[in-house]
Amino acid sequence: MIRILRRMDSAGEKDMPMEEDRGGSPVCLAHLLVDGQPIDPETVRDVATFRKSERGRLMERRRAIATPDRAAMTQALSLALDAVVLPRPRMRIAVYWPIRGEP
């Protein structure tokens, strides 16, 4: 069964049907804009290069953390999360899988 939903256009009118299981929005191109302006390919390349370098630098710093220090950081992180996340019935919590020695 396909449910037809309606979404609002920019004027607030409900006149654009969309099929629920096919999505209804066009592909988002926001990643190609900064403050509404297109990004040139050279900037995209420079940012990608920076991010790759920065990821490597940060991973190396994490690997350099001594095991006892990493355990203490993990414990501190767990305690901080326990203080701000109050479980409720049917609550969902997203987590990440630590890689390369991350706490």
N, C-alpha and C. Protein backbone atom coordinates (compact mmCIF):
# COMPACT_ATOMS: atom_id res chain seq x y z
N MET A 1 0.84 -1.17 0.00
CA MET A 1 0.00 0.00 0.00
C MET A 1 0.89 1.24 0.00
N ILE A 2 0.58 2.18 -0.84
CA ILE A 2 1.30 3.45 -0.89
C ILE A 2 0.39 4.53 -0.34
N ARG A 3 0.86 5.20 0.72
CA ARG A 3 0.10 6.32 1.27
C ARG A 3 0.56 7.59 0.59
N ILE A 4 -0.37 8.37 0.13
CA ILE A 4 -0.02 9.65 -0.47
C ILE A 4 -0.08 10.71 0.61
N LEU A 5 1.01 11.41 0.76
CA LEU A 5 1.09 12.50 1.72
C LEU A 5 1.11 13.81 0.95
N ARG A 6 0.87 14.88 1.62
CA ARG A 6 0.98 16.19 0.99
C ARG A 6 2.00 17.00 1.76
N ARG A 7 2.81 17.73 1.05
CA ARG A 7 3.75 18.59 1.72
C ARG A 7 3.46 20.03 1.33
N MET A 8 3.92 20.94 2.17
CA MET A 8 3.64 22.35 1.96
C MET A 8 4.63 22.94 0.97
N ASP A 9 4.14 23.79 0.08
CA ASP A 9 5.08 24.53 -0.76
C ASP A 9 5.53 25.77 -0.01
N SER A 10 6.35 26.59 -0.62
CA SER A 10 6.92 27.74 0.08
C SER A 10 5.87 28.75 0.51
N ALA A 11 4.70 28.75 -0.13
CA ALA A 11 3.64 29.69 0.25
C ALA A 11 2.70 29.09 1.30
N GLY A 12 2.99 27.89 1.74
CA GLY A 12 2.16 27.25 2.77
C GLY A 12 0.98 26.50 2.21
N GLU A 13 0.92 26.34 0.88
CA GLU A 13 -0.17 25.61 0.25
C GLU A 13 0.14 24.12 0.24
N LYS A 14 -0.90 23.31 0.47
CA LYS A 14 -0.73 21.85 0.43
C LYS A 14 -1.11 21.38 -0.97
N ASP A 15 -0.17 21.47 -1.90
CA ASP A 15 -0.54 21.07 -3.25
C ASP A 15 0.48 20.16 -3.92
N MET A 16 1.44 19.67 -3.16
CA MET A 16 2.47 18.84 -3.75
C MET A 16 2.41 17.44 -3.16
N PRO A 17 1.74 16.50 -3.84
CA PRO A 17 1.69 15.14 -3.30
C PRO A 17 3.04 14.47 -3.38
N MET A 18 3.27 13.56 -2.45
CA MET A 18 4.49 12.75 -2.50
C MET A 18 4.16 11.36 -2.00
N GLU A 19 4.84 10.38 -2.56
CA GLU A 19 4.62 9.01 -2.13
C GLU A 19 5.56 8.72 -0.98
N GLU A 20 5.00 8.21 0.11
CA GLU A 20 5.76 8.02 1.35
C GLU A 20 6.98 7.14 1.17
N ASP A 21 6.86 6.05 0.44
CA ASP A 21 7.98 5.12 0.37
C ASP A 21 8.95 5.43 -0.75
N ARG A 22 8.78 6.49 -1.47
CA ARG A 22 9.74 6.89 -2.49
C ARG A 22 10.42 8.20 -2.14
N GLY A 23 10.03 8.79 -1.05
CA GLY A 23 10.54 10.12 -0.72
C GLY A 23 9.82 11.15 -1.56
N GLY A 24 10.05 12.39 -1.30
CA GLY A 24 9.33 13.37 -2.07
C GLY A 24 10.13 14.62 -2.32
N SER A 25 11.30 14.69 -1.74
CA SER A 25 12.10 15.88 -1.92
C SER A 25 13.18 15.63 -2.95
N PRO A 26 13.56 16.65 -3.70
CA PRO A 26 14.67 16.47 -4.62
C PRO A 26 15.96 16.30 -3.83
N VAL A 27 16.99 15.85 -4.51
CA VAL A 27 18.29 15.67 -3.87
C VAL A 27 18.75 17.01 -3.30
N CYS A 28 19.26 16.97 -2.09
CA CYS A 28 19.74 18.18 -1.43
C CYS A 28 21.13 18.54 -1.98
N LEU A 29 21.29 19.77 -2.38
CA LEU A 29 22.57 20.24 -2.88
C LEU A 29 23.20 21.25 -1.94
N ALA A 30 22.71 21.30 -0.72
CA ALA A 30 23.20 22.29 0.25
C ALA A 30 24.70 22.14 0.51
N HIS A 31 25.22 20.92 0.38
CA HIS A 31 26.65 20.71 0.63
C HIS A 31 27.52 21.43 -0.40
N LEU A 32 26.90 21.92 -1.48
CA LEU A 32 27.65 22.66 -2.50
C LEU A 32 27.55 24.17 -2.30
N LEU A 33 26.92 24.59 -1.20
CA LEU A 33 26.71 26.01 -0.95
C LEU A 33 27.30 26.42 0.40
N VAL A 34 27.77 27.65 0.49
CA VAL A 34 28.16 28.26 1.75
C VAL A 34 27.50 29.62 1.77
N ASP A 35 26.67 29.87 2.78
CA ASP A 35 25.91 31.11 2.85
C ASP A 35 25.14 31.38 1.57
N GLY A 36 24.62 30.32 0.96
CA GLY A 36 23.81 30.46 -0.24
C GLY A 36 24.62 30.63 -1.51
N GLN A 37 25.93 30.63 -1.42
CA GLN A 37 26.79 30.82 -2.59
C GLN A 37 27.45 29.50 -2.98
N PRO A 38 27.57 29.24 -4.28
CA PRO A 38 28.24 27.99 -4.71
C PRO A 38 29.70 27.97 -4.29
N ILE A 39 30.21 26.76 -4.06
CA ILE A 39 31.61 26.58 -3.68
C ILE A 39 32.36 26.14 -4.93
N ASP A 40 33.51 26.74 -5.17
CA ASP A 40 34.29 26.36 -6.35
C ASP A 40 35.01 25.03 -6.09
N PRO A 41 35.32 24.28 -7.14
CA PRO A 41 35.95 22.96 -6.99
C PRO A 41 37.28 23.01 -6.24
N GLU A 42 38.06 24.08 -6.40
CA GLU A 42 39.34 24.17 -5.70
C GLU A 42 39.13 24.23 -4.19
N THR A 43 38.12 24.97 -3.74
CA THR A 43 37.82 25.05 -2.31
C THR A 43 37.36 23.70 -1.79
N VAL A 44 36.53 23.01 -2.57
CA VAL A 44 36.06 21.68 -2.17
C VAL A 44 37.27 20.76 -1.98
N ARG A 45 38.23 20.80 -2.92
CA ARG A 45 39.42 19.97 -2.82
C ARG A 45 40.25 20.34 -1.60
N ASP A 46 40.42 21.65 -1.36
CA ASP A 46 41.22 22.10 -0.21
C ASP A 46 40.59 21.66 1.11
N VAL A 47 39.28 21.78 1.21
CA VAL A 47 38.59 21.36 2.44
C VAL A 47 38.73 19.85 2.64
N ALA A 48 38.58 19.08 1.57
CA ALA A 48 38.72 17.62 1.68
C ALA A 48 40.14 17.26 2.12
N THR A 49 41.14 17.93 1.58
CA THR A 49 42.52 17.69 1.98
C THR A 49 42.74 18.01 3.44
N PHE A 50 42.22 19.16 3.88
CA PHE A 50 42.33 19.55 5.29
C PHE A 50 41.67 18.52 6.20
N ARG A 51 40.45 18.12 5.85
CA ARG A 51 39.74 17.16 6.71
C ARG A 51 40.49 15.84 6.82
N LYS A 52 41.02 15.35 5.71
CA LYS A 52 41.76 14.09 5.74
C LYS A 52 43.00 14.22 6.64
N SER A 53 43.71 15.32 6.50
CA SER A 53 44.89 15.57 7.32
C SER A 53 44.52 15.69 8.80
N GLU A 54 43.46 16.42 9.08
CA GLU A 54 43.03 16.64 10.46
C GLU A 54 42.58 15.33 11.11
N ARG A 55 41.84 14.50 10.36
CA ARG A 55 41.42 13.19 10.89
C ARG A 55 42.65 12.37 11.27
N GLY A 56 43.66 12.34 10.39
CA GLY A 56 44.87 11.59 10.68
C GLY A 56 45.59 12.11 11.92
N ARG A 57 45.69 13.43 12.04
CA ARG A 57 46.35 14.04 13.19
C ARG A 57 45.62 13.69 14.49
N LEU A 58 44.28 13.80 14.47
CA LEU A 58 43.50 13.51 15.68
C LEU A 58 43.55 12.03 16.04
N MET A 59 43.52 11.15 15.03
CA MET A 59 43.62 9.71 15.33
C MET A 59 44.97 9.39 15.95
N GLU A 60 46.03 10.02 15.46
CA GLU A 60 47.36 9.79 16.02
C GLU A 60 47.42 10.25 17.48
N ARG A 61 46.82 11.39 17.78
CA ARG A 61 46.79 11.87 19.16
C ARG A 61 46.02 10.90 20.06
N ARG A 62 44.91 10.33 19.56
CA ARG A 62 44.14 9.37 20.35
C ARG A 62 44.95 8.11 20.60
N ARG A 63 45.66 7.64 19.57
CA ARG A 63 46.48 6.43 19.73
C ARG A 63 47.60 6.64 20.76
N ALA A 64 48.03 7.87 20.92
CA ALA A 64 49.14 8.17 21.84
C ALA A 64 48.69 8.22 23.30
N ILE A 65 47.39 8.17 23.56
CA ILE A 65 46.90 8.23 24.94
C ILE A 65 47.21 6.90 25.63
N ALA A 66 47.84 6.96 26.78
CA ALA A 66 48.19 5.75 27.54
C ALA A 66 46.93 5.02 27.99
N THR A 67 47.02 3.71 28.11
CA THR A 67 45.87 2.89 28.47
C THR A 67 45.19 3.34 29.77
N PRO A 68 45.93 3.61 30.85
CA PRO A 68 45.25 4.06 32.08
C PRO A 68 44.52 5.40 31.88
N ASP A 69 45.14 6.29 31.10
CA ASP A 69 44.49 7.57 30.82
C ASP A 69 43.22 7.38 29.99
N ARG A 70 43.29 6.48 29.01
CA ARG A 70 42.12 6.19 28.17
C ARG A 70 40.98 5.62 29.02
N ALA A 71 41.32 4.74 29.96
CA ALA A 71 40.30 4.17 30.85
C ALA A 71 39.66 5.26 31.70
N ALA A 72 40.48 6.18 32.20
CA ALA A 72 39.95 7.29 33.02
C ALA A 72 39.05 8.20 32.18
N MET A 73 39.46 8.46 30.93
CA MET A 73 38.63 9.29 30.05
C MET A 73 37.29 8.61 29.74
N THR A 74 37.35 7.31 29.52
CA THR A 74 36.12 6.56 29.24
C THR A 74 35.18 6.62 30.44
N GLN A 75 35.73 6.44 31.63
CA GLN A 75 34.93 6.50 32.86
C GLN A 75 34.31 7.89 33.03
N ALA A 76 35.10 8.94 32.80
CA ALA A 76 34.59 10.31 32.92
C ALA A 76 33.48 10.57 31.90
N LEU A 77 33.66 10.07 30.68
CA LEU A 77 32.64 10.22 29.65
C LEU A 77 31.35 9.51 30.06
N SER A 78 31.48 8.30 30.57
CA SER A 78 30.30 7.54 31.01
C SER A 78 29.56 8.26 32.14
N LEU A 79 30.29 8.78 33.10
CA LEU A 79 29.66 9.50 34.21
C LEU A 79 28.96 10.77 33.72
N ALA A 80 29.59 11.48 32.81
CA ALA A 80 28.99 12.70 32.28
C ALA A 80 27.70 12.38 31.52
N LEU A 81 27.71 11.31 30.74
CA LEU A 81 26.50 10.92 30.01
C LEU A 81 25.40 10.48 30.98
N ASP A 82 25.77 9.75 32.02
CA ASP A 82 24.78 9.33 33.02
C ASP A 82 24.11 10.53 33.67
N ALA A 83 24.84 11.64 33.80
CA ALA A 83 24.29 12.83 34.44
C ALA A 83 23.31 13.59 33.55
N VAL A 84 23.44 13.46 32.23
CA VAL A 84 22.57 14.24 31.34
C VAL A 84 21.53 13.41 30.60
N VAL A 85 21.72 12.10 30.51
CA VAL A 85 20.76 11.25 29.81
C VAL A 85 19.93 10.51 30.84
N LEU A 86 18.68 10.87 30.94
CA LEU A 86 17.77 10.20 31.86
C LEU A 86 16.90 9.23 31.08
N PRO A 87 17.14 7.93 31.24
CA PRO A 87 16.37 6.95 30.46
C PRO A 87 14.86 7.05 30.74
N ARG A 88 14.10 6.90 29.66
CA ARG A 88 12.65 6.88 29.73
C ARG A 88 12.16 5.66 28.98
N PRO A 89 10.95 5.20 29.27
CA PRO A 89 10.42 4.04 28.53
C PRO A 89 10.41 4.33 27.03
N ARG A 90 10.79 3.35 26.24
CA ARG A 90 10.81 3.41 24.78
C ARG A 90 11.80 4.44 24.23
N MET A 91 12.71 4.89 25.05
CA MET A 91 13.71 5.86 24.62
C MET A 91 14.75 5.17 23.74
N ARG A 92 15.18 5.84 22.69
CA ARG A 92 16.23 5.32 21.82
C ARG A 92 17.45 6.21 21.96
N ILE A 93 18.57 5.57 22.03
CA ILE A 93 19.83 6.30 22.16
C ILE A 93 20.75 5.83 21.04
N ALA A 94 21.29 6.76 20.28
CA ALA A 94 22.24 6.43 19.22
C ALA A 94 23.64 6.39 19.81
N VAL A 95 24.44 5.48 19.32
CA VAL A 95 25.81 5.34 19.81
C VAL A 95 26.75 5.22 18.62
N TYR A 96 28.03 5.31 18.88
CA TYR A 96 29.02 5.07 17.84
C TYR A 96 29.87 3.89 18.25
N TRP A 97 30.51 3.27 17.30
CA TRP A 97 31.42 2.17 17.56
C TRP A 97 32.83 2.75 17.60
N PRO A 98 33.49 2.70 18.75
CA PRO A 98 34.82 3.30 18.84
C PRO A 98 35.82 2.59 17.92
N ILE A 99 36.61 3.38 17.24
CA ILE A 99 37.62 2.80 16.35
C ILE A 99 39.00 3.27 16.80
N ARG A 100 39.97 2.44 16.57
CA ARG A 100 41.37 2.78 16.81
C ARG A 100 41.64 3.37 18.20
N GLY A 101 41.06 2.75 19.21
CA GLY A 101 41.38 3.13 20.57
C GLY A 101 40.66 4.36 21.09
N GLU A 102 39.59 4.78 20.44
CA GLU A 102 38.87 5.94 20.95
C GLU A 102 38.12 5.56 22.23
N PRO A 103 37.99 6.53 23.16
CA PRO A 103 37.21 6.22 24.38
C PRO A 103 35.72 6.17 24.07
